């Protein structure tokens, strides 16, 4: 998948922050995908949402284009994906909503 230069720059910034961020949030898994999707995972859903708020509040400036919440029976039990985009980038839908 090709990414524009703004997204590539955002991915670099996100990845630079990831190590220090995880060190300050115990029991949290974090990864940044090539398309600037931030994936937070852990056992405690409250801690995940707090971590997402901390991440967004501390920058870099970005727009949340979409989210996804997954729950499973294996560890980590909860996964929160934030589809991030640089400010000012036109937001396109990332996926089709699914109802269960």
PDB file of N, CA and C in Angstrom:
ATOM      1  N   UNK A   1       0.835  -1.176   0.000  1.00  0.00           N
ATOM      2  CA  UNK A   1       0.000   0.000   0.000  1.00  0.00           C
ATOM      3  C   UNK A   1       0.877   1.235   0.000  1.00  0.00           C
ATOM      4  N   UNK A   2       0.561   2.194  -0.842  1.00  0.00           N
ATOM      5  CA  UNK A   2       1.315   3.438  -0.930  1.00  0.00           C
ATOM      6  C   UNK A   2       0.738   4.451   0.064  1.00  0.00           C
ATOM      7  N   UNK A   3       1.622   5.213   0.683  1.00  0.00           N
ATOM      8  CA  UNK A   3       1.171   6.273   1.578  1.00  0.00           C
ATOM      9  C   UNK A   3       1.719   7.583   1.069  1.00  0.00           C
ATOM     10  N   UNK A   4       0.989   8.663   1.309  1.00  0.00           N
ATOM     11  CA  UNK A   4       1.475   9.970   0.898  1.00  0.00           C
ATOM     12  C   UNK A   4       2.558  10.437   1.866  1.00  0.00           C
ATOM     13  N   UNK A   5       3.263  11.510   1.497  1.00  0.00           N
ATOM     14  CA  UNK A   5       4.390  11.962   2.324  1.00  0.00           C
ATOM     15  C   UNK A   5       3.930  12.459   3.692  1.00  0.00           C
ATOM     16  N   UNK A   6       2.733  13.053   3.776  1.00  0.00           N
ATOM     17  CA  UNK A   6       2.222  13.506   5.069  1.00  0.00           C
ATOM     18  C   UNK A   6       1.970  12.345   6.020  1.00  0.00           C
ATOM     19  N   UNK A   7       1.414  11.267   5.474  1.00  0.00           N
ATOM     20  CA  UNK A   7       1.166  10.077   6.293  1.00  0.00           C
ATOM     21  C   UNK A   7       2.485   9.422   6.682  1.00  0.00           C
ATOM     22  N   UNK A   8       3.438   9.362   5.745  1.00  0.00           N
ATOM     23  CA  UNK A   8       4.746   8.768   6.046  1.00  0.00           C
ATOM     24  C   UNK A   8       5.445   9.541   7.161  1.00  0.00           C
ATOM     25  N   UNK A   9       5.359  10.862   7.122  1.00  0.00           N
ATOM     26  CA  UNK A   9       5.951  11.691   8.174  1.00  0.00           C
ATOM     27  C   UNK A   9       5.257  11.439   9.504  1.00  0.00           C
ATOM     28  N   UNK A  10       3.923  11.333   9.490  1.00  0.00           N
ATOM     29  CA  UNK A  10       3.173  11.056  10.709  1.00  0.00           C
ATOM     30  C   UNK A  10       3.575   9.697  11.282  1.00  0.00           C
ATOM     31  N   UNK A  11       3.730   8.694  10.432  1.00  0.00           N
ATOM     32  CA  UNK A  11       4.135   7.359  10.889  1.00  0.00           C
ATOM     33  C   UNK A  11       5.480   7.443  11.604  1.00  0.00           C
ATOM     34  N   UNK A  12       6.433   8.173  11.040  1.00  0.00           N
ATOM     35  CA  UNK A  12       7.744   8.336  11.679  1.00  0.00           C
ATOM     36  C   UNK A  12       7.602   8.962  13.061  1.00  0.00           C
ATOM     37  N   UNK A  13       6.796  10.031  13.164  1.00  0.00           N
ATOM     38  CA  UNK A  13       6.594  10.704  14.445  1.00  0.00           C
ATOM     39  C   UNK A  13       5.939   9.771  15.459  1.00  0.00           C
ATOM     40  N   UNK A  14       4.949   9.013  15.014  1.00  0.00           N
ATOM     41  CA  UNK A  14       4.251   8.093  15.911  1.00  0.00           C
ATOM     42  C   UNK A  14       5.204   7.019  16.425  1.00  0.00           C
ATOM     43  N   UNK A  15       6.011   6.474  15.537  1.00  0.00           N
ATOM     44  CA  UNK A  15       6.943   5.413  15.935  1.00  0.00           C
ATOM     45  C   UNK A  15       8.023   5.930  16.868  1.00  0.00           C
ATOM     46  N   UNK A  16       8.449   7.168  16.671  1.00  0.00           N
ATOM     47  CA  UNK A  16       9.449   7.758  17.570  1.00  0.00           C
ATOM     48  C   UNK A  16       8.919   7.870  18.990  1.00  0.00           C
ATOM     49  N   UNK A  17       7.637   8.120  19.148  1.00  0.00           N
ATOM     50  CA  UNK A  17       7.015   8.255  20.472  1.00  0.00           C
ATOM     51  C   UNK A  17       6.695   6.930  21.128  1.00  0.00           C
ATOM     52  N   UNK A  18       6.521   5.892  20.357  1.00  0.00           N
ATOM     53  CA  UNK A  18       5.949   4.633  20.843  1.00  0.00           C
ATOM     54  C   UNK A  18       6.719   4.018  22.008  1.00  0.00           C
ATOM     55  N   UNK A  19       8.040   3.952  21.936  1.00  0.00           N
ATOM     56  CA  UNK A  19       8.825   3.296  22.986  1.00  0.00           C
ATOM     57  C   UNK A  19       8.669   3.958  24.338  1.00  0.00           C
ATOM     58  N   UNK A  20       8.842   5.270  24.376  1.00  0.00           N
ATOM     59  CA  UNK A  20       8.713   5.998  25.640  1.00  0.00           C
ATOM     60  C   UNK A  20       7.283   5.929  26.169  1.00  0.00           C
ATOM     61  N   UNK A  21       6.318   5.942  25.271  1.00  0.00           N
ATOM     62  CA  UNK A  21       4.917   5.898  25.677  1.00  0.00           C
ATOM     63  C   UNK A  21       4.599   4.572  26.366  1.00  0.00           C
ATOM     64  N   UNK A  22       5.045   3.477  25.774  1.00  0.00           N
ATOM     65  CA  UNK A  22       4.782   2.155  26.359  1.00  0.00           C
ATOM     66  C   UNK A  22       5.467   2.029  27.712  1.00  0.00           C
ATOM     67  N   UNK A  23       6.651   2.603  27.857  1.00  0.00           N
ATOM     68  CA  UNK A  23       7.355   2.544  29.136  1.00  0.00           C
ATOM     69  C   UNK A  23       6.582   3.233  30.253  1.00  0.00           C
ATOM     70  N   UNK A  24       5.773   4.225  29.912  1.00  0.00           N
ATOM     71  CA  UNK A  24       5.010   4.929  30.937  1.00  0.00           C
ATOM     72  C   UNK A  24       3.584   4.388  31.099  1.00  0.00           C
ATOM     73  N   UNK A  25       3.221   3.368  30.342  1.00  0.00           N
ATOM     74  CA  UNK A  25       1.897   2.743  30.447  1.00  0.00           C
ATOM     75  C   UNK A  25       2.088   1.234  30.627  1.00  0.00           C
ATOM     76  N   UNK A  26       2.016   0.797  31.855  1.00  0.00           N
ATOM     77  CA  UNK A  26       2.268  -0.594  32.212  1.00  0.00           C
ATOM     78  C   UNK A  26       1.189  -1.502  31.612  1.00  0.00           C
ATOM     79  N   UNK A  27       1.600  -2.693  31.203  1.00  0.00           N
ATOM     80  CA  UNK A  27       0.687  -3.716  30.674  1.00  0.00           C
ATOM     81  C   UNK A  27      -0.039  -3.273  29.403  1.00  0.00           C
ATOM     82  N   UNK A  28       0.654  -2.515  28.563  1.00  0.00           N
ATOM     83  CA  UNK A  28       0.072  -2.030  27.319  1.00  0.00           C
ATOM     84  C   UNK A  28       0.954  -2.470  26.159  1.00  0.00           C
ATOM     85  N   UNK A  29       0.336  -2.994  25.136  1.00  0.00           N
ATOM     86  CA  UNK A  29       1.031  -3.290  23.888  1.00  0.00           C
ATOM     87  C   UNK A  29       0.673  -2.179  22.918  1.00  0.00           C
ATOM     88  N   UNK A  30       1.637  -1.772  22.102  1.00  0.00           N
ATOM     89  CA  UNK A  30       1.397  -0.691  21.151  1.00  0.00           C
ATOM     90  C   UNK A  30       2.180  -0.974  19.878  1.00  0.00           C
ATOM     91  N   UNK A  31       1.543  -0.724  18.752  1.00  0.00           N
ATOM     92  CA  UNK A  31       2.231  -0.797  17.471  1.00  0.00           C
ATOM     93  C   UNK A  31       1.688   0.294  16.563  1.00  0.00           C
ATOM     94  N   UNK A  32       2.528   0.716  15.630  1.00  0.00           N
ATOM     95  CA  UNK A  32       2.133   1.696  14.625  1.00  0.00           C
ATOM     96  C   UNK A  32       2.294   1.029  13.261  1.00  0.00           C
ATOM     97  N   UNK A  33       1.200   0.920  12.536  1.00  0.00           N
ATOM     98  CA  UNK A  33       1.215   0.311  11.211  1.00  0.00           C
ATOM     99  C   UNK A  33       1.708   1.324  10.176  1.00  0.00           C
ATOM    100  N   UNK A  34       2.074   0.837   8.995  1.00  0.00           N
ATOM    101  CA  UNK A  34       2.592   1.702   7.927  1.00  0.00           C
ATOM    102  C   UNK A  34       1.582   2.735   7.431  1.00  0.00           C
ATOM    103  N   UNK A  35       0.290   2.484   7.664  1.00  0.00           N
ATOM    104  CA  UNK A  35      -0.746   3.432   7.221  1.00  0.00           C
ATOM    105  C   UNK A  35      -1.150   4.399   8.332  1.00  0.00           C
ATOM    106  N   UNK A  36      -0.323   4.516   9.382  1.00  0.00           N
ATOM    107  CA  UNK A  36      -0.546   5.414  10.530  1.00  0.00           C
ATOM    108  C   UNK A  36      -1.694   4.949  11.426  1.00  0.00           C
ATOM    109  N   UNK A  37      -1.936   3.647  11.453  1.00  0.00           N
ATOM    110  CA  UNK A  37      -2.901   3.089  12.392  1.00  0.00           C
ATOM    111  C   UNK A  37      -2.168   2.789  13.696  1.00  0.00           C
ATOM    112  N   UNK A  38      -2.652   3.376  14.769  1.00  0.00           N
ATOM    113  CA  UNK A  38      -2.114   3.132  16.102  1.00  0.00           C
ATOM    114  C   UNK A  38      -2.939   2.019  16.726  1.00  0.00           C
ATOM    115  N   UNK A  39      -2.284   0.934  17.127  1.00  0.00           N
ATOM    116  CA  UNK A  39      -2.986  -0.194  17.729  1.00  0.00           C
ATOM    117  C   UNK A  39      -2.535  -0.321  19.176  1.00  0.00           C
ATOM    118  N   UNK A  40      -3.485  -0.168  20.084  1.00  0.00           N
ATOM    119  CA  UNK A  40      -3.258  -0.311  21.517  1.00  0.00           C
ATOM    120  C   UNK A  40      -3.937  -1.599  21.965  1.00  0.00           C
ATOM    121  N   UNK A  41      -3.257  -2.389  22.780  1.00  0.00           N
ATOM    122  CA  UNK A  41      -3.846  -3.644  23.234  1.00  0.00           C
ATOM    123  C   UNK A  41      -3.486  -3.877  24.694  1.00  0.00           C
ATOM    124  N   UNK A  42      -4.382  -4.539  25.419  1.00  0.00           N
ATOM    125  CA  UNK A  42      -4.144  -4.833  26.820  1.00  0.00           C
ATOM    126  C   UNK A  42      -5.302  -5.598  27.418  1.00  0.00           C
ATOM    127  N   UNK A  43      -5.193  -5.866  28.710  1.00  0.00           N
ATOM    128  CA  UNK A  43      -6.213  -6.628  29.413  1.00  0.00           C
ATOM    129  C   UNK A  43      -7.324  -5.748  29.989  1.00  0.00           C
ATOM    130  N   UNK A  44      -7.025  -4.487  30.263  1.00  0.00           N
ATOM    131  CA  UNK A  44      -7.967  -3.587  30.936  1.00  0.00           C
ATOM    132  C   UNK A  44      -8.502  -2.551  29.949  1.00  0.00           C
ATOM    133  N   UNK A  45      -9.797  -2.617  29.598  1.00  0.00           N
ATOM    134  CA  UNK A  45     -10.344  -1.668  28.631  1.00  0.00           C
ATOM    135  C   UNK A  45     -10.277  -0.218  29.100  1.00  0.00           C
ATOM    136  N   UNK A  46     -10.431   0.026  30.381  1.00  0.00           N
ATOM    137  CA  UNK A  46     -10.349   1.395  30.902  1.00  0.00           C
ATOM    138  C   UNK A  46      -8.951   1.962  30.669  1.00  0.00           C
ATOM    139  N   UNK A  47      -7.939   1.144  30.938  1.00  0.00           N
ATOM    140  CA  UNK A  47      -6.556   1.582  30.730  1.00  0.00           C
ATOM    141  C   UNK A  47      -6.281   1.855  29.253  1.00  0.00           C
ATOM    142  N   UNK A  48      -6.885   1.081  28.366  1.00  0.00           N
ATOM    143  CA  UNK A  48      -6.694   1.313  26.931  1.00  0.00           C
ATOM    144  C   UNK A  48      -7.267   2.655  26.494  1.00  0.00           C
ATOM    145  N   UNK A  49      -8.483   2.948  26.943  1.00  0.00           N
ATOM    146  CA  UNK A  49      -9.083   4.223  26.567  1.00  0.00           C
ATOM    147  C   UNK A  49      -8.321   5.397  27.193  1.00  0.00           C
ATOM    148  N   UNK A  50      -7.828   5.232  28.403  1.00  0.00           N
ATOM    149  CA  UNK A  50      -7.019   6.279  29.028  1.00  0.00           C
ATOM    150  C   UNK A  50      -5.719   6.483  28.251  1.00  0.00           C
ATOM    151  N   UNK A  51      -5.105   5.381  27.844  1.00  0.00           N
ATOM    152  CA  UNK A  51      -3.868   5.468  27.062  1.00  0.00           C
ATOM    153  C   UNK A  51      -4.124   6.173  25.728  1.00  0.00           C
ATOM    154  N   UNK A  52      -5.243   5.864  25.081  1.00  0.00           N
ATOM    155  CA  UNK A  52      -5.580   6.527  23.817  1.00  0.00           C
ATOM    156  C   UNK A  52      -5.762   8.030  24.035  1.00  0.00           C
ATOM    157  N   UNK A  53      -6.434   8.393  25.111  1.00  0.00           N
ATOM    158  CA  UNK A  53      -6.612   9.818  25.424  1.00  0.00           C
ATOM    159  C   UNK A  53      -5.271  10.486  25.713  1.00  0.00           C
ATOM    160  N   UNK A  54      -4.405   9.808  26.455  1.00  0.00           N
ATOM    161  CA  UNK A  54      -3.069  10.352  26.735  1.00  0.00           C
ATOM    162  C   UNK A  54      -2.291  10.551  25.439  1.00  0.00           C
ATOM    163  N   UNK A  55      -2.320   9.551  24.572  1.00  0.00           N
ATOM    164  CA  UNK A  55      -1.586   9.611  23.307  1.00  0.00           C
ATOM    165  C   UNK A  55      -2.062  10.802  22.470  1.00  0.00           C
ATOM    166  N   UNK A  56      -3.375  10.917  22.309  1.00  0.00           N
ATOM    167  CA  UNK A  56      -3.924  11.996  21.483  1.00  0.00           C
ATOM    168  C   UNK A  56      -3.689  13.359  22.113  1.00  0.00           C
ATOM    169  N   UNK A  57      -3.722  13.427  23.434  1.00  0.00           N
ATOM    170  CA  UNK A  57      -3.520  14.702  24.118  1.00  0.00           C
ATOM    171  C   UNK A  57      -2.098  15.216  24.076  1.00  0.00           C
ATOM    172  N   UNK A  58      -1.137  14.301  23.947  1.00  0.00           N
ATOM    173  CA  UNK A  58       0.273  14.683  23.965  1.00  0.00           C
ATOM    174  C   UNK A  58       0.860  14.924  22.581  1.00  0.00           C
ATOM    175  N   UNK A  59       0.087  14.744  21.509  1.00  0.00           N
ATOM    176  CA  UNK A  59       0.576  14.982  20.151  1.00  0.00           C
ATOM    177  C   UNK A  59       1.348  13.806  19.613  1.00  0.00           C
ATOM    178  N   UNK A  60       1.812  13.808  18.393  1.00  0.00           N
ATOM    179  CA  UNK A  60       1.753  14.905  17.444  1.00  0.00           C
ATOM    180  C   UNK A  60       0.325  15.155  16.962  1.00  0.00           C
ATOM    181  N   UNK A  61       0.118  16.332  16.402  1.00  0.00           N
ATOM    182  CA  UNK A  61      -1.209  16.688  15.923  1.00  0.00           C
ATOM    183  C   UNK A  61      -1.635  15.714  14.834  1.00  0.00           C
ATOM    184  N   UNK A  62      -2.822  15.165  14.991  1.00  0.00           N
ATOM    185  CA  UNK A  62      -3.361  14.242  13.998  1.00  0.00           C
ATOM    186  C   UNK A  62      -4.878  14.205  14.151  1.00  0.00           C
ATOM    187  N   UNK A  63      -5.529  13.633  13.156  1.00  0.00           N
ATOM    188  CA  UNK A  63      -6.974  13.483  13.154  1.00  0.00           C
ATOM    189  C   UNK A  63      -7.307  12.001  13.246  1.00  0.00           C
ATOM    190  N   UNK A  64      -8.267  11.648  14.086  1.00  0.00           N
ATOM    191  CA  UNK A  64      -8.731  10.263  14.150  1.00  0.00           C
ATOM    192  C   UNK A  64      -9.782  10.096  13.054  1.00  0.00           C
ATOM    193  N   UNK A  65      -9.427   9.315  12.027  1.00  0.00           N
ATOM    194  CA  UNK A  65     -10.323   9.106  10.898  1.00  0.00           C
ATOM    195  C   UNK A  65     -11.324   7.993  11.163  1.00  0.00           C
ATOM    196  N   UNK A  66     -10.941   7.030  12.000  1.00  0.00           N
ATOM    197  CA  UNK A  66     -11.806   5.886  12.271  1.00  0.00           C
ATOM    198  C   UNK A  66     -11.255   5.147  13.494  1.00  0.00           C
ATOM    199  N   UNK A  67     -12.060   4.299  14.076  1.00  0.00           N
ATOM    200  CA  UNK A  67     -11.634   3.473  15.211  1.00  0.00           C
ATOM    201  C   UNK A  67     -12.161   2.050  15.020  1.00  0.00           C
ATOM    202  N   UNK A  68     -11.548   1.149  15.742  1.00  0.00           N
ATOM    203  CA  UNK A  68     -12.041  -0.232  15.767  1.00  0.00           C
ATOM    204  C   UNK A  68     -11.732  -0.814  17.139  1.00  0.00           C
ATOM    205  N   UNK A  69     -12.700  -1.523  17.696  1.00  0.00           N
ATOM    206  CA  UNK A  69     -12.552  -2.174  18.999  1.00  0.00           C
ATOM    207  C   UNK A  69     -12.716  -3.672  18.792  1.00  0.00           C
ATOM    208  N   UNK A  70     -11.766  -4.448  19.302  1.00  0.00           N
ATOM    209  CA  UNK A  70     -11.852  -5.903  19.216  1.00  0.00           C
ATOM    210  C   UNK A  70     -11.694  -6.485  20.614  1.00  0.00           C
ATOM    211  N   UNK A  71     -12.447  -7.544  20.869  1.00  0.00           N
ATOM    212  CA  UNK A  71     -12.351  -8.282  22.139  1.00  0.00           C
ATOM    213  C   UNK A  71     -12.209  -9.747  21.789  1.00  0.00           C
ATOM    214  N   UNK A  72     -11.305 -10.422  22.496  1.00  0.00           N
ATOM    215  CA  UNK A  72     -11.097 -11.853  22.237  1.00  0.00           C
ATOM    216  C   UNK A  72     -10.796 -12.580  23.538  1.00  0.00           C
ATOM    217  N   UNK A  73     -10.715 -13.882  23.461  1.00  0.00           N
ATOM    218  CA  UNK A  73     -10.502 -14.692  24.655  1.00  0.00           C
ATOM    219  C   UNK A  73      -9.023 -14.909  24.964  1.00  0.00           C
ATOM    220  N   UNK A  74      -8.129 -14.544  24.052  1.00  0.00           N
ATOM    221  CA  UNK A  74      -6.689 -14.685  24.275  1.00  0.00           C
ATOM    222  C   UNK A  74      -6.089 -13.341  24.668  1.00  0.00           C
ATOM    223  N   UNK A  75      -4.868 -13.370  25.199  1.00  0.00           N
ATOM    224  CA  UNK A  75      -4.204 -12.119  25.567  1.00  0.00           C
ATOM    225  C   UNK A  75      -3.548 -11.491  24.356  1.00  0.00           C
ATOM    226  N   UNK A  76      -3.586 -10.216  24.230  1.00  0.00           N
ATOM    227  CA  UNK A  76      -4.355  -9.274  25.036  1.00  0.00           C
ATOM    228  C   UNK A  76      -5.841  -9.347  24.684  1.00  0.00           C
ATOM    229  N   UNK A  77      -6.664  -9.213  25.679  1.00  0.00           N
ATOM    230  CA  UNK A  77      -8.105  -9.403  25.510  1.00  0.00           C
ATOM    231  C   UNK A  77      -8.781  -8.282  24.731  1.00  0.00           C
ATOM    232  N   UNK A  78      -8.220  -7.074  24.780  1.00  0.00           N
ATOM    233  CA  UNK A  78      -8.856  -5.910  24.149  1.00  0.00           C
ATOM    234  C   UNK A  78      -7.859  -5.222  23.225  1.00  0.00           C
ATOM    235  N   UNK A  79      -8.361  -4.802  22.058  1.00  0.00           N
ATOM    236  CA  UNK A  79      -7.539  -4.073  21.100  1.00  0.00           C
ATOM    237  C   UNK A  79      -8.318  -2.864  20.610  1.00  0.00           C
ATOM    238  N   UNK A  80      -7.684  -1.710  20.663  1.00  0.00           N
ATOM    239  CA  UNK A  80      -8.260  -0.466  20.162  1.00  0.00           C
ATOM    240  C   UNK A  80      -7.362   0.040  19.050  1.00  0.00           C
ATOM    241  N   UNK A  81      -7.917   0.152  17.847  1.00  0.00           N
ATOM    242  CA  UNK A  81      -7.170   0.663  16.699  1.00  0.00           C
ATOM    243  C   UNK A  81      -7.670   2.061  16.371  1.00  0.00           C
ATOM    244  N   UNK A  82      -6.747   2.997  16.241  1.00  0.00           N
ATOM    245  CA  UNK A  82      -7.060   4.368  15.856  1.00  0.00           C
ATOM    246  C   UNK A  82      -6.437   4.626  14.493  1.00  0.00           C
ATOM    247  N   UNK A  83      -7.261   4.918  13.511  1.00  0.00           N
ATOM    248  CA  UNK A  83      -6.791   5.223  12.170  1.00  0.00           C
ATOM    249  C   UNK A  83      -6.495   6.716  12.118  1.00  0.00           C
ATOM    250  N   UNK A  84      -5.220   7.064  12.200  1.00  0.00           N
ATOM    251  CA  UNK A  84      -4.803   8.461  12.329  1.00  0.00           C
ATOM    252  C   UNK A  84      -4.377   9.040  10.983  1.00  0.00           C
ATOM    253  N   UNK A  85      -4.629  10.317  10.796  1.00  0.00           N
ATOM    254  CA  UNK A  85      -4.238  11.022   9.585  1.00  0.00           C
ATOM    255  C   UNK A  85      -3.653  12.380   9.973  1.00  0.00           C
ATOM    256  N   UNK A  86      -2.761  12.906   9.137  1.00  0.00           N
ATOM    257  CA  UNK A  86      -2.228  14.246   9.406  1.00  0.00           C
ATOM    258  C   UNK A  86      -3.361  15.272   9.364  1.00  0.00           C
ATOM    259  N   UNK A  87      -3.232  16.370  10.089  1.00  0.00           N
ATOM    260  CA  UNK A  87      -4.265  17.414  10.053  1.00  0.00           C
ATOM    261  C   UNK A  87      -4.440  17.937   8.631  1.00  0.00           C
ATOM    262  N   UNK A  88      -5.681  18.189   8.246  1.00  0.00           N
ATOM    263  CA  UNK A  88      -5.961  18.772   6.940  1.00  0.00           C
ATOM    264  C   UNK A  88      -6.071  17.778   5.803  1.00  0.00           C
ATOM    265  N   UNK A  89      -5.781  16.508   6.038  1.00  0.00           N
ATOM    266  CA  UNK A  89      -5.898  15.495   4.992  1.00  0.00           C
ATOM    267  C   UNK A  89      -7.358  15.088   4.876  1.00  0.00           C
ATOM    268  N   UNK A  90      -7.841  14.992   3.647  1.00  0.00           N
ATOM    269  CA  UNK A  90      -9.217  14.571   3.436  1.00  0.00           C
ATOM    270  C   UNK A  90      -9.398  13.157   3.980  1.00  0.00           C
ATOM    271  N   UNK A  91     -10.439  12.977   4.747  1.00  0.00           N
ATOM    272  CA  UNK A  91     -10.672  11.688   5.391  1.00  0.00           C
ATOM    273  C   UNK A  91     -11.555  10.818   4.518  1.00  0.00           C
ATOM    274  N   UNK A  92     -11.060   9.638   4.200  1.00  0.00           N
ATOM    275  CA  UNK A  92     -11.831   8.659   3.441  1.00  0.00           C
ATOM    276  C   UNK A  92     -12.220   7.529   4.381  1.00  0.00           C
ATOM    277  N   UNK A  93     -13.396   6.946   4.204  1.00  0.00           N
ATOM    278  CA  UNK A  93     -13.784   5.818   5.060  1.00  0.00           C
ATOM    279  C   UNK A  93     -12.756   4.699   4.964  1.00  0.00           C
ATOM    280  N   UNK A  94     -12.437   4.090   6.102  1.00  0.00           N
ATOM    281  CA  UNK A  94     -11.427   3.039   6.157  1.00  0.00           C
ATOM    282  C   UNK A  94     -12.012   1.654   5.994  1.00  0.00           C
ATOM    283  N   UNK A  95     -13.230   1.472   6.410  1.00  0.00           N
ATOM    284  CA  UNK A  95     -13.813   0.142   6.384  1.00  0.00           C
ATOM    285  C   UNK A  95     -15.324   0.261   6.406  1.00  0.00           C
ATOM    286  N   UNK A  96     -15.971  -0.824   6.149  1.00  0.00           N
ATOM    287  CA  UNK A  96     -17.430  -0.882   6.219  1.00  0.00           C
ATOM    288  C   UNK A  96     -17.803  -1.317   7.630  1.00  0.00           C
ATOM    289  N   UNK A  97     -18.736  -0.615   8.224  1.00  0.00           N
ATOM    290  CA  UNK A  97     -19.171  -0.964   9.578  1.00  0.00           C
ATOM    291  C   UNK A  97     -19.793  -2.354   9.588  1.00  0.00           C
ATOM    292  N   UNK A  98     -19.478  -3.082  10.619  1.00  0.00           N
ATOM    293  CA  UNK A  98     -20.013  -4.436  10.763  1.00  0.00           C
ATOM    294  C   UNK A  98     -20.881  -4.487  12.002  1.00  0.00           C
ATOM    295  N   UNK A  99     -22.003  -5.147  11.892  1.00  0.00           N
ATOM    296  CA  UNK A  99     -22.913  -5.346  13.030  1.00  0.00           C
ATOM    297  C   UNK A  99     -22.955  -6.832  13.340  1.00  0.00           C
ATOM    298  N   UNK A 100     -22.883  -7.133  14.632  1.00  0.00           N
ATOM    299  CA  UNK A 100     -22.984  -8.534  15.063  1.00  0.00           C
ATOM    300  C   UNK A 100     -24.156  -8.721  15.961  1.00  0.00           C
TER     301      UNK A 100
END
